[in-house]
C-alpha atoms as a PDB file:
ATOM      1  CA  UNK A   1     145.116  92.783  24.612  1.00  0.00           C
ATOM      2  CA  UNK A   2     147.915  92.334  27.140  1.00  0.00           C
ATOM      3  CA  UNK A   3     147.569  92.895  30.872  1.00  0.00           C
ATOM      4  CA  UNK A   4     149.369  95.493  32.937  1.00  0.00           C
ATOM      5  CA  UNK A   5     149.225  96.793  36.477  1.00  0.00           C
ATOM      6  CA  UNK A   6     151.089  97.855  39.603  1.00  0.00           C
ATOM      7  CA  UNK A   7     151.583  95.540  42.592  1.00  0.00           C
ATOM      8  CA  UNK A   8     152.773  96.999  45.892  1.00  0.00           C
ATOM      9  CA  UNK A   9     154.865  94.762  48.156  1.00  0.00           C
ATOM     10  CA  UNK A  10     154.174  95.870  51.728  1.00  0.00           C
ATOM     11  CA  UNK A  11     154.956  94.632  55.212  1.00  0.00           C
ATOM     12  CA  UNK A  12     156.998  95.090  58.358  1.00  0.00           C
ATOM     13  CA  UNK A  13     160.763  95.782  58.264  1.00  0.00           C
ATOM     14  CA  UNK A  14     162.736  92.620  57.464  1.00  0.00           C
ATOM     15  CA  UNK A  15     159.696  90.690  56.229  1.00  0.00           C
ATOM     16  CA  UNK A  16     161.606  89.923  53.022  1.00  0.00           C
ATOM     17  CA  UNK A  17     160.022  92.398  50.593  1.00  0.00           C
ATOM     18  CA  UNK A  18     163.212  93.312  48.706  1.00  0.00           C
ATOM     19  CA  UNK A  19     164.327  89.682  48.577  1.00  0.00           C
ATOM     20  CA  UNK A  20     160.939  88.756  47.090  1.00  0.00           C
ATOM     21  CA  UNK A  21     161.074  91.383  44.347  1.00  0.00           C
ATOM     22  CA  UNK A  22     164.664  90.498  43.470  1.00  0.00           C
ATOM     23  CA  UNK A  23     163.717  86.804  43.229  1.00  0.00           C
ATOM     24  CA  UNK A  24     160.721  87.560  40.987  1.00  0.00           C
ATOM     25  CA  UNK A  25     162.808  89.706  38.634  1.00  0.00           C
ATOM     26  CA  UNK A  26     165.896  87.483  38.719  1.00  0.00           C
ATOM     27  CA  UNK A  27     168.021  90.567  39.368  1.00  0.00           C
ATOM     28  CA  UNK A  28     169.205  92.461  42.443  1.00  0.00           C
ATOM     29  CA  UNK A  29     167.203  95.645  42.063  1.00  0.00           C
ATOM     30  CA  UNK A  30     166.721  96.367  45.777  1.00  0.00           C
ATOM     31  CA  UNK A  31     169.548  96.115  48.295  1.00  0.00           C
ATOM     32  CA  UNK A  32     169.171  93.459  50.979  1.00  0.00           C
ATOM     33  CA  UNK A  33     170.747  93.309  54.440  1.00  0.00           C
ATOM     34  CA  UNK A  34     169.868  91.616  57.747  1.00  0.00           C
ATOM     35  CA  UNK A  35     169.188  95.057  59.263  1.00  0.00           C
ATOM     36  CA  UNK A  36     165.670  96.403  59.553  1.00  0.00           C
ATOM     37  CA  UNK A  37     164.589  99.436  57.484  1.00  0.00           C
ATOM     38  CA  UNK A  38     167.184  98.805  54.773  1.00  0.00           C
ATOM     39  CA  UNK A  39     164.798 100.174  52.118  1.00  0.00           C
ATOM     40  CA  UNK A  40     164.217 103.937  52.394  1.00  0.00           C
ATOM     41  CA  UNK A  41     162.393 104.709  49.147  1.00  0.00           C
ATOM     42  CA  UNK A  42     159.944 103.163  46.734  1.00  0.00           C
ATOM     43  CA  UNK A  43     161.765 101.077  44.123  1.00  0.00           C
ATOM     44  CA  UNK A  44     160.024  99.880  40.958  1.00  0.00           C
ATOM     45  CA  UNK A  45     160.771  96.455  39.522  1.00  0.00           C
ATOM     46  CA  UNK A  46     159.412  95.754  36.035  1.00  0.00           C
ATOM     47  CA  UNK A  47     158.395  92.239  34.974  1.00  0.00           C
ATOM     48  CA  UNK A  48     157.537  91.982  31.276  1.00  0.00           C
ATOM     49  CA  UNK A  49     156.335  88.732  29.748  1.00  0.00           C
ATOM     50  CA  UNK A  50     153.951  87.183  27.233  1.00  0.00           C
ATOM     51  CA  UNK A  51     150.933  88.085  29.356  1.00  0.00           C
ATOM     52  CA  UNK A  52     151.900  91.732  29.653  1.00  0.00           C
ATOM     53  CA  UNK A  53     153.650  93.676  32.381  1.00  0.00           C
ATOM     54  CA  UNK A  54     153.552  93.848  36.166  1.00  0.00           C
ATOM     55  CA  UNK A  55     155.308  96.768  37.844  1.00  0.00           C
ATOM     56  CA  UNK A  56     156.237  95.810  41.391  1.00  0.00           C
ATOM     57  CA  UNK A  57     156.717  98.517  44.009  1.00  0.00           C
ATOM     58  CA  UNK A  58     159.114  97.600  46.819  1.00  0.00           C
ATOM     59  CA  UNK A  59     158.364  99.794  49.825  1.00  0.00           C
ATOM     60  CA  UNK A  60     160.039 100.673  53.147  1.00  0.00           C
ATOM     61  CA  UNK A  61     159.102  98.513  56.109  1.00  0.00           C
ATOM     62  CA  UNK A  62     155.964  99.810  57.829  1.00  0.00           C
ATOM     63  CA  UNK A  63     156.583 101.002  61.379  1.00  0.00           C
ATOM     64  CA  UNK A  64     155.256 103.620  63.785  1.00  0.00           C
ATOM     65  CA  UNK A  65     157.282 106.601  62.624  1.00  0.00           C
ATOM     66  CA  UNK A  66     157.949 109.764  64.577  1.00  0.00           C
ATOM     67  CA  UNK A  67     156.744 113.073  63.164  1.00  0.00           C
ATOM     68  CA  UNK A  68     159.061 114.580  60.581  1.00  0.00           C
ATOM     69  CA  UNK A  69     162.470 113.380  59.417  1.00  0.00           C
ATOM     70  CA  UNK A  70     163.537 110.349  57.380  1.00  0.00           C
ATOM     71  CA  UNK A  71     161.153 107.918  59.103  1.00  0.00           C
ATOM     72  CA  UNK A  72     158.123 110.051  58.249  1.00  0.00           C
ATOM     73  CA  UNK A  73     159.409 110.246  54.660  1.00  0.00           C
ATOM     74  CA  UNK A  74     159.594 106.442  54.515  1.00  0.00           C
ATOM     75  CA  UNK A  75     155.979 106.056  55.652  1.00  0.00           C
ATOM     76  CA  UNK A  76     154.824 108.682  53.141  1.00  0.00           C
ATOM     77  CA  UNK A  77     156.529 106.578  50.446  1.00  0.00           C
ATOM     78  CA  UNK A  78     154.390 103.603  51.462  1.00  0.00           C
ATOM     79  CA  UNK A  79     151.150 105.576  51.439  1.00  0.00           C
ATOM     80  CA  UNK A  80     151.863 107.137  48.036  1.00  0.00           C
ATOM     81  CA  UNK A  81     152.780 103.722  46.612  1.00  0.00           C
ATOM     82  CA  UNK A  82     149.322 102.384  47.501  1.00  0.00           C
ATOM     83  CA  UNK A  83     147.521 104.980  45.357  1.00  0.00           C
ATOM     84  CA  UNK A  84     146.067 103.590  42.144  1.00  0.00           C
ATOM     85  CA  UNK A  85     147.552 100.081  42.299  1.00  0.00           C
ATOM     86  CA  UNK A  86     146.037  96.861  40.970  1.00  0.00           C
ATOM     87  CA  UNK A  87     146.990  94.575  43.862  1.00  0.00           C
ATOM     88  CA  UNK A  88     148.909  94.437  47.136  1.00  0.00           C
ATOM     89  CA  UNK A  89     151.223  91.690  48.338  1.00  0.00           C
ATOM     90  CA  UNK A  90     151.218  91.824  52.141  1.00  0.00           C
ATOM     91  CA  UNK A  91     154.315  89.943  53.269  1.00  0.00           C
ATOM     92  CA  UNK A  92     154.480  88.571  56.819  1.00  0.00           C
ATOM     93  CA  UNK A  93     157.379  87.038  58.711  1.00  0.00           C
ATOM     94  CA  UNK A  94     155.638  84.298  60.754  1.00  0.00           C
ATOM     95  CA  UNK A  95     157.877  85.113  63.733  1.00  0.00           C
ATOM     96  CA  UNK A  96     156.192  88.538  63.959  1.00  0.00           C
ATOM     97  CA  UNK A  97     153.499  89.444  66.493  1.00  0.00           C
ATOM     98  CA  UNK A  98     150.022  90.876  66.063  1.00  0.00           C
ATOM     99  CA  UNK A  99     150.888  94.164  67.794  1.00  0.00           C
ATOM    100  CA  UNK A 100     153.593  94.843  65.179  1.00  0.00           C
ATOM    101  CA  UNK A 101     151.353  93.848  62.243  1.00  0.00           C
ATOM    102  CA  UNK A 102     148.647  96.252  63.400  1.00  0.00           C
ATOM    103  CA  UNK A 103     150.644  99.155  61.916  1.00  0.00           C
ATOM    104  CA  UNK A 104     150.597  97.450  58.506  1.00  0.00           C
ATOM    105  CA  UNK A 105     146.861  96.806  58.600  1.00  0.00           C
ATOM    106  CA  UNK A 106     146.192 100.447  59.523  1.00  0.00           C
ATOM    107  CA  UNK A 107     147.884 101.544  56.289  1.00  0.00           C
ATOM    108  CA  UNK A 108     146.410  98.774  54.126  1.00  0.00           C
ATOM    109  CA  UNK A 109     142.863  99.745  55.076  1.00  0.00           C
ATOM    110  CA  UNK A 110     143.480 103.079  53.307  1.00  0.00           C
ATOM    111  CA  UNK A 111     143.726 101.188  49.984  1.00  0.00           C
ATOM    112  CA  UNK A 112     140.008 100.402  49.865  1.00  0.00           C
ATOM    113  CA  UNK A 113     138.873  98.037  47.110  1.00  0.00           C
ATOM    114  CA  UNK A 114     142.362  96.865  46.109  1.00  0.00           C
ATOM    115  CA  UNK A 115     142.807  93.056  46.238  1.00  0.00           C
ATOM    116  CA  UNK A 116     145.277  92.052  48.962  1.00  0.00           C
ATOM    117  CA  UNK A 117     147.247  88.809  48.900  1.00  0.00           C
ATOM    118  CA  UNK A 118     148.487  87.657  52.308  1.00  0.00           C
ATOM    119  CA  UNK A 119     151.898  86.028  51.943  1.00  0.00           C
ATOM    120  CA  UNK A 120     153.437  83.991  54.754  1.00  0.00           C
ATOM    121  CA  UNK A 121     157.131  84.228  54.010  1.00  0.00           C
ATOM    122  CA  UNK A 122     160.237  82.298  55.137  1.00  0.00           C
ATOM    123  CA  UNK A 123     158.728  78.835  54.796  1.00  0.00           C
ATOM    124  CA  UNK A 124     162.304  77.594  54.307  1.00  0.00           C
ATOM    125  CA  UNK A 125     163.071  78.239  57.990  1.00  0.00           C
ATOM    126  CA  UNK A 126     162.782  75.378  60.458  1.00  0.00           C
ATOM    127  CA  UNK A 127     160.416  76.787  63.018  1.00  0.00           C
ATOM    128  CA  UNK A 128     156.774  76.117  63.742  1.00  0.00           C
ATOM    129  CA  UNK A 129     154.427  78.702  62.293  1.00  0.00           C
ATOM    130  CA  UNK A 130     152.562  80.462  65.105  1.00  0.00           C
ATOM    131  CA  UNK A 131     148.970  79.360  64.549  1.00  0.00           C
ATOM    132  CA  UNK A 132     147.647  82.259  66.611  1.00  0.00           C
ATOM    133  CA  UNK A 133     149.181  84.859  64.281  1.00  0.00           C
ATOM    134  CA  UNK A 134     147.882  83.038  61.205  1.00  0.00           C
ATOM    135  CA  UNK A 135     144.414  83.295  62.715  1.00  0.00           C
ATOM    136  CA  UNK A 136     144.746  86.760  64.255  1.00  0.00           C
ATOM    137  CA  UNK A 137     145.810  88.668  61.132  1.00  0.00           C
ATOM    138  CA  UNK A 138     142.899  87.552  58.897  1.00  0.00           C
ATOM    139  CA  UNK A 139     140.427  88.078  61.748  1.00  0.00           C
ATOM    140  CA  UNK A 140     141.696  91.581  62.512  1.00  0.00           C
ATOM    141  CA  UNK A 141     141.834  92.453  58.816  1.00  0.00           C
ATOM    142  CA  UNK A 142     138.198  91.397  58.324  1.00  0.00           C
ATOM    143  CA  UNK A 143     137.210  93.507  61.327  1.00  0.00           C
ATOM    144  CA  UNK A 144     138.944  96.500  59.672  1.00  0.00           C
ATOM    145  CA  UNK A 145     137.289  95.918  56.278  1.00  0.00           C
ATOM    146  CA  UNK A 146     140.344  94.385  54.583  1.00  0.00           C
ATOM    147  CA  UNK A 147     139.424  91.343  52.509  1.00  0.00           C
ATOM    148  CA  UNK A 148     142.303  89.035  51.606  1.00  0.00           C
ATOM    149  CA  UNK A 149     141.857  87.708  48.061  1.00  0.00           C
ATOM    150  CA  UNK A 150     144.075  84.676  48.763  1.00  0.00           C
ATOM    151  CA  UNK A 151     146.761  83.455  51.136  1.00  0.00           C
ATOM    152  CA  UNK A 152     150.051  81.874  50.074  1.00  0.00           C
ATOM    153  CA  UNK A 153     152.950  80.285  51.905  1.00  0.00           C
ATOM    154  CA  UNK A 154     156.164  81.310  50.144  1.00  0.00           C
ATOM    155  CA  UNK A 155     159.913  81.533  50.481  1.00  0.00           C
ATOM    156  CA  UNK A 156     161.285  84.690  48.902  1.00  0.00           C
ATOM    157  CA  UNK A 157     164.803  83.369  49.478  1.00  0.00           C
ATOM    158  CA  UNK A 158     164.271  79.941  47.885  1.00  0.00           C
ATOM    159  CA  UNK A 159     161.527  80.864  45.421  1.00  0.00           C
ATOM    160  CA  UNK A 160     158.960  78.441  46.827  1.00  0.00           C
ATOM    161  CA  UNK A 161     155.324  79.137  46.064  1.00  0.00           C
ATOM    162  CA  UNK A 162     156.070  82.042  43.758  1.00  0.00           C
ATOM    163  CA  UNK A 163     154.810  80.424  40.532  1.00  0.00           C
ATOM    164  CA  UNK A 164     151.361  79.957  42.054  1.00  0.00           C
ATOM    165  CA  UNK A 165     151.407  83.468  43.500  1.00  0.00           C
ATOM    166  CA  UNK A 166     152.335  85.013  40.160  1.00  0.00           C
ATOM    167  CA  UNK A 167     149.664  83.044  38.301  1.00  0.00           C
ATOM    168  CA  UNK A 168     146.989  84.325  40.696  1.00  0.00           C
ATOM    169  CA  UNK A 169     148.332  87.883  40.442  1.00  0.00           C
ATOM    170  CA  UNK A 170     148.306  87.856  36.641  1.00  0.00           C
ATOM    171  CA  UNK A 171     144.622  86.903  36.788  1.00  0.00           C
ATOM    172  CA  UNK A 172     143.915  90.036  38.843  1.00  0.00           C
ATOM    173  CA  UNK A 173     145.719  92.384  36.473  1.00  0.00           C
ATOM    174  CA  UNK A 174     143.504  94.582  34.267  1.00  0.00           C
ATOM    175  CA  UNK A 175     143.842  94.668  30.514  1.00  0.00           C
ATOM    176  CA  UNK A 176     145.876  97.539  29.154  1.00  0.00           C
ATOM    177  CA  UNK A 177     149.098  98.605  27.413  1.00  0.00           C
ATOM    178  CA  UNK A 178     152.455  98.182  29.137  1.00  0.00           C
ATOM    179  CA  UNK A 179     153.804 101.181  31.056  1.00  0.00           C
ATOM    180  CA  UNK A 180     157.445 100.586  30.040  1.00  0.00           C
ATOM    181  CA  UNK A 181     157.802  99.463  26.392  1.00  0.00           C
ATOM    182  CA  UNK A 182     161.422  98.241  26.624  1.00  0.00           C
ATOM    183  CA  UNK A 183     161.112  94.528  27.580  1.00  0.00           C
ATOM    184  CA  UNK A 184     164.661  94.579  28.996  1.00  0.00           C
ATOM    185  CA  UNK A 185     163.999  97.454  31.409  1.00  0.00           C
ATOM    186  CA  UNK A 186     163.934  96.266  35.038  1.00  0.00           C
ATOM    187  CA  UNK A 187     163.434  99.556  36.906  1.00  0.00           C
ATOM    188  CA  UNK A 188     162.678 103.227  36.408  1.00  0.00           C
ATOM    189  CA  UNK A 189     165.619 104.386  38.531  1.00  0.00           C
ATOM    190  CA  UNK A 190     168.789 105.938  37.013  1.00  0.00           C
ATOM    191  CA  UNK A 191     172.174 104.238  37.320  1.00  0.00           C
ATOM    192  CA  UNK A 192     173.307 106.829  39.888  1.00  0.00           C
ATOM    193  CA  UNK A 193     170.582 105.685  42.274  1.00  0.00           C
ATOM    194  CA  UNK A 194     171.700 102.056  42.125  1.00  0.00           C
ATOM    195  CA  UNK A 195     175.348 102.996  42.622  1.00  0.00           C
ATOM    196  CA  UNK A 196     174.458 105.003  45.729  1.00  0.00           C
ATOM    197  CA  UNK A 197     172.385 102.098  47.039  1.00  0.00           C
ATOM    198  CA  UNK A 198     175.250  99.631  46.525  1.00  0.00           C
ATOM    199  CA  UNK A 199     177.438 101.881  48.690  1.00  0.00           C
ATOM    200  CA  UNK A 200     174.710 102.261  51.329  1.00  0.00           C
ATOM    201  CA  UNK A 201     174.275  98.495  51.408  1.00  0.00           C
ATOM    202  CA  UNK A 202     177.911  98.084  52.431  1.00  0.00           C
ATOM    203  CA  UNK A 203     177.519 100.727  55.139  1.00  0.00           C
ATOM    204  CA  UNK A 204     174.680  98.654  56.591  1.00  0.00           C
ATOM    205  CA  UNK A 205     176.642  95.428  56.321  1.00  0.00           C
ATOM    206  CA  UNK A 206     179.995  96.631  57.639  1.00  0.00           C
ATOM    207  CA  UNK A 207     179.160  99.206  60.313  1.00  0.00           C
ATOM    208  CA  UNK A 208     177.598  98.790  63.778  1.00  0.00           C
ATOM    209  CA  UNK A 209     173.906  98.787  64.575  1.00  0.00           C
ATOM    210  CA  UNK A 210     173.206 102.525  64.719  1.00  0.00           C
ATOM    211  CA  UNK A 211     175.830 104.244  62.566  1.00  0.00           C
ATOM    212  CA  UNK A 212     174.615 103.209  59.068  1.00  0.00           C
ATOM    213  CA  UNK A 213     171.173 104.681  59.750  1.00  0.00           C
ATOM    214  CA  UNK A 214     172.906 108.023  60.278  1.00  0.00           C
ATOM    215  CA  UNK A 215     174.532 107.809  56.826  1.00  0.00           C
ATOM    216  CA  UNK A 216     173.313 109.028  53.449  1.00  0.00           C
ATOM    217  CA  UNK A 217     175.094 108.579  50.129  1.00  0.00           C
ATOM    218  CA  UNK A 218     175.315 111.287  47.469  1.00  0.00           C
ATOM    219  CA  UNK A 219     176.884 110.709  44.054  1.00  0.00           C
ATOM    220  CA  UNK A 220     179.023 113.770  43.503  1.00  0.00           C
ATOM    221  CA  UNK A 221     180.543 112.841  40.153  1.00  0.00           C
ATOM    222  CA  UNK A 222     179.801 110.192  37.529  1.00  0.00           C
ATOM    223  CA  UNK A 223     181.967 110.221  34.408  1.00  0.00           C
ATOM    224  CA  UNK A 224     180.737 107.548  31.991  1.00  0.00           C
ATOM    225  CA  UNK A 225     184.089 106.757  30.389  1.00  0.00           C
ATOM    226  CA  UNK A 226     183.665 103.610  28.216  1.00  0.00           C
ATOM    227  CA  UNK A 227     187.028 102.292  29.404  1.00  0.00           C
ATOM    228  CA  UNK A 228     186.795 103.050  33.130  1.00  0.00           C
ATOM    229  CA  UNK A 229     183.808 105.023  34.491  1.00  0.00           C
ATOM    230  CA  UNK A 230     184.854 107.301  37.356  1.00  0.00           C
ATOM    231  CA  UNK A 231     182.457 107.596  40.298  1.00  0.00           C
ATOM    232  CA  UNK A 232     182.971 109.920  43.269  1.00  0.00           C
ATOM    233  CA  UNK A 233     180.554 109.610  46.186  1.00  0.00           C
ATOM    234  CA  UNK A 234     180.068 111.394  49.500  1.00  0.00           C
ATOM    235  CA  UNK A 235     178.970 109.540  52.615  1.00  0.00           C
ATOM    236  CA  UNK A 236     177.162 112.074  54.791  1.00  0.00           C
ATOM    237  CA  UNK A 237     177.023 111.535  58.560  1.00  0.00           C
ATOM    238  CA  UNK A 238     175.042 113.479  61.179  1.00  0.00           C
ATOM    239  CA  UNK A 239     177.659 113.963  63.872  1.00  0.00           C
ATOM    240  CA  UNK A 240     181.411 114.589  63.858  1.00  0.00           C
ATOM    241  CA  UNK A 241     182.051 111.484  65.981  1.00  0.00           C
ATOM    242  CA  UNK A 242     180.503 109.277  63.282  1.00  0.00           C
ATOM    243  CA  UNK A 243     183.114 110.273  60.706  1.00  0.00           C
ATOM    244  CA  UNK A 244     185.811 108.340  62.541  1.00  0.00           C
ATOM    245  CA  UNK A 245     183.589 105.246  62.763  1.00  0.00           C
ATOM    246  CA  UNK A 246     183.021 105.243  59.017  1.00  0.00           C
ATOM    247  CA  UNK A 247     186.659 105.949  58.144  1.00  0.00           C
ATOM    248  CA  UNK A 248     188.121 103.498  60.674  1.00  0.00           C
ATOM    249  CA  UNK A 249     191.664 103.216  61.979  1.00  0.00           C
ATOM    250  CA  UNK A 250     194.090 104.493  59.330  1.00  0.00           C
ATOM    251  CA  UNK A 251     191.209 104.471  56.816  1.00  0.00           C
ATOM    252  CA  UNK A 252     190.713 100.705  57.094  1.00  0.00           C
ATOM    253  CA  UNK A 253     186.917 100.757  57.332  1.00  0.00           C
ATOM    254  CA  UNK A 254     186.260 103.139  54.456  1.00  0.00           C
ATOM    255  CA  UNK A 255     188.707 101.143  52.334  1.00  0.00           C
ATOM    256  CA  UNK A 256     186.845  97.897  53.040  1.00  0.00           C
ATOM    257  CA  UNK A 257     183.484  99.550  52.336  1.00  0.00           C
ATOM    258  CA  UNK A 258     184.814 100.995  49.079  1.00  0.00           C
ATOM    259  CA  UNK A 259     186.277  97.705  47.869  1.00  0.00           C
ATOM    260  CA  UNK A 260     183.099  95.746  48.588  1.00  0.00           C
ATOM    261  CA  UNK A 261     180.865  98.450  47.059  1.00  0.00           C
ATOM    262  CA  UNK A 262     183.041  98.631  43.943  1.00  0.00           C
ATOM    263  CA  UNK A 263     182.642  94.887  43.366  1.00  0.00           C
ATOM    264  CA  UNK A 264     178.868  95.217  43.656  1.00  0.00           C
ATOM    265  CA  UNK A 265     178.802  98.217  41.293  1.00  0.00           C
ATOM    266  CA  UNK A 266     181.002  96.409  38.766  1.00  0.00           C
ATOM    267  CA  UNK A 267     178.741  93.363  38.877  1.00  0.00           C
ATOM    268  CA  UNK A 268     175.721  95.610  38.333  1.00  0.00           C
ATOM    269  CA  UNK A 269     177.272  97.585  35.453  1.00  0.00           C
ATOM    270  CA  UNK A 270     179.129  94.655  33.917  1.00  0.00           C
ATOM    271  CA  UNK A 271     182.467  96.504  33.775  1.00  0.00           C
ATOM    272  CA  UNK A 272     185.276  97.782  35.959  1.00  0.00           C
ATOM    273  CA  UNK A 273     184.887 101.211  37.583  1.00  0.00           C
ATOM    274  CA  UNK A 274     186.879 103.632  39.693  1.00  0.00           C
ATOM    275  CA  UNK A 275     185.031 104.368  42.917  1.00  0.00           C
ATOM    276  CA  UNK A 276     186.167 107.103  45.256  1.00  0.00           C
ATOM    277  CA  UNK A 277     184.549 107.683  48.657  1.00  0.00           C
ATOM    278  CA  UNK A 278     184.828 110.520  51.148  1.00  0.00           C
ATOM    279  CA  UNK A 279     183.009 111.209  54.410  1.00  0.00           C
ATOM    280  CA  UNK A 280     181.473 114.581  55.262  1.00  0.00           C
ATOM    281  CA  UNK A 281     179.396 116.004  58.088  1.00  0.00           C
ATOM    282  CA  UNK A 282     175.844 117.097  57.190  1.00  0.00           C
ATOM    283  CA  UNK A 283     174.578 117.924  60.648  1.00  0.00           C
ATOM    284  CA  UNK A 284     171.305 116.253  61.644  1.00  0.00           C
ATOM    285  CA  UNK A 285     170.450 115.555  57.996  1.00  0.00           C
ATOM    286  CA  UNK A 286     167.831 112.901  58.883  1.00  0.00           C
ATOM    287  CA  UNK A 287     165.717 115.528  60.710  1.00  0.00           C
ATOM    288  CA  UNK A 288     166.451 118.612  58.617  1.00  0.00           C
ATOM    289  CA  UNK A 289     163.955 119.244  55.797  1.00  0.00           C
ATOM    290  CA  UNK A 290     166.418 121.119  53.562  1.00  0.00           C
ATOM    291  CA  UNK A 291     169.140 118.519  53.978  1.00  0.00           C
ATOM    292  CA  UNK A 292     166.648 115.742  53.266  1.00  0.00           C
ATOM    293  CA  UNK A 293     165.486 117.561  50.127  1.00  0.00           C
ATOM    294  CA  UNK A 294     169.083 117.917  48.928  1.00  0.00           C
ATOM    295  CA  UNK A 295     169.535 114.163  49.325  1.00  0.00           C
ATOM    296  CA  UNK A 296     166.322 113.400  47.434  1.00  0.00           C
ATOM    297  CA  UNK A 297     164.139 112.631  50.443  1.00  0.00           C
ATOM    298  CA  UNK A 298     161.297 115.139  50.039  1.00  0.00           C
ATOM    299  CA  UNK A 299     159.022 115.185  53.072  1.00  0.00           C
ATOM    300  CA  UNK A 300     155.245 115.213  52.420  1.00  0.00           C
ATOM    301  CA  UNK A 301     154.855 118.920  53.299  1.00  0.00           C
ATOM    302  CA  UNK A 302     157.772 119.759  50.995  1.00  0.00           C
ATOM    303  CA  UNK A 303     156.146 117.821  48.179  1.00  0.00           C
ATOM    304  CA  UNK A 304     152.924 119.777  48.606  1.00  0.00           C
ATOM    305  CA  UNK A 305     154.759 123.096  48.446  1.00  0.00           C
ATOM    306  CA  UNK A 306     156.544 121.980  45.274  1.00  0.00           C
ATOM    307  CA  UNK A 307     153.400 120.728  43.516  1.00  0.00           C
END
């Protein structure tokens, strides 16, 4: 019988979780930017091979979130991802500090009995690994009842150490049927989701430090014309002043964002598309439960009411 299971990729913001999953799958499933907290939602990546199937779960970076709003939603995504999984990959940027990693360990201890693999990422970078951190994390984890199955030094960017990591992970997978029978399927998300993420990626790359975090992308229209699919998207901002920052002088910024996003969407879909963008005000959407629900970010309390 083949093996199958779910593996959660967890860690601090910018630890390299999305880069790692993309490298494993050989496809850009999760968007990647230099900015922290790029990932907002759980994203599944499906690896199907001769041994069976591993479903990877890329999660938002773990941080101390304020009550309510988009940050609380992100942390609820992490906690829900840890339920019923076969293994956890805990990814650490060696330049991190123990105080920051404490937040990750607090969440990992909730997944009692699940094997955890400690991955020291970014081995391609030319800096000395802080020996204290490499000693502190295992010691603190043991104190909290978290037992690391194995430790690996990897480079998500270069692919170093991943063959050994995957071999060890396959060994930990239980026997069972695959969850997604199509061997070509790489994720459970619809095309609309990936298109919106490609646009949001460009907002993160091309806008200043704070503005992109105040933006949400909604696909308003998606006409799947075989010759030229037509996609219309709305970029929601929280304050009126942010509209001008996204649009830019004489529309220069929104034009650049649209051109770059269109190239990414076309590469993803394998064909040319028409992509239209407009900017609208959705006041305080990141802290408003109804606005968050409209955009697909259901807060934990909202989920309970809907269940």
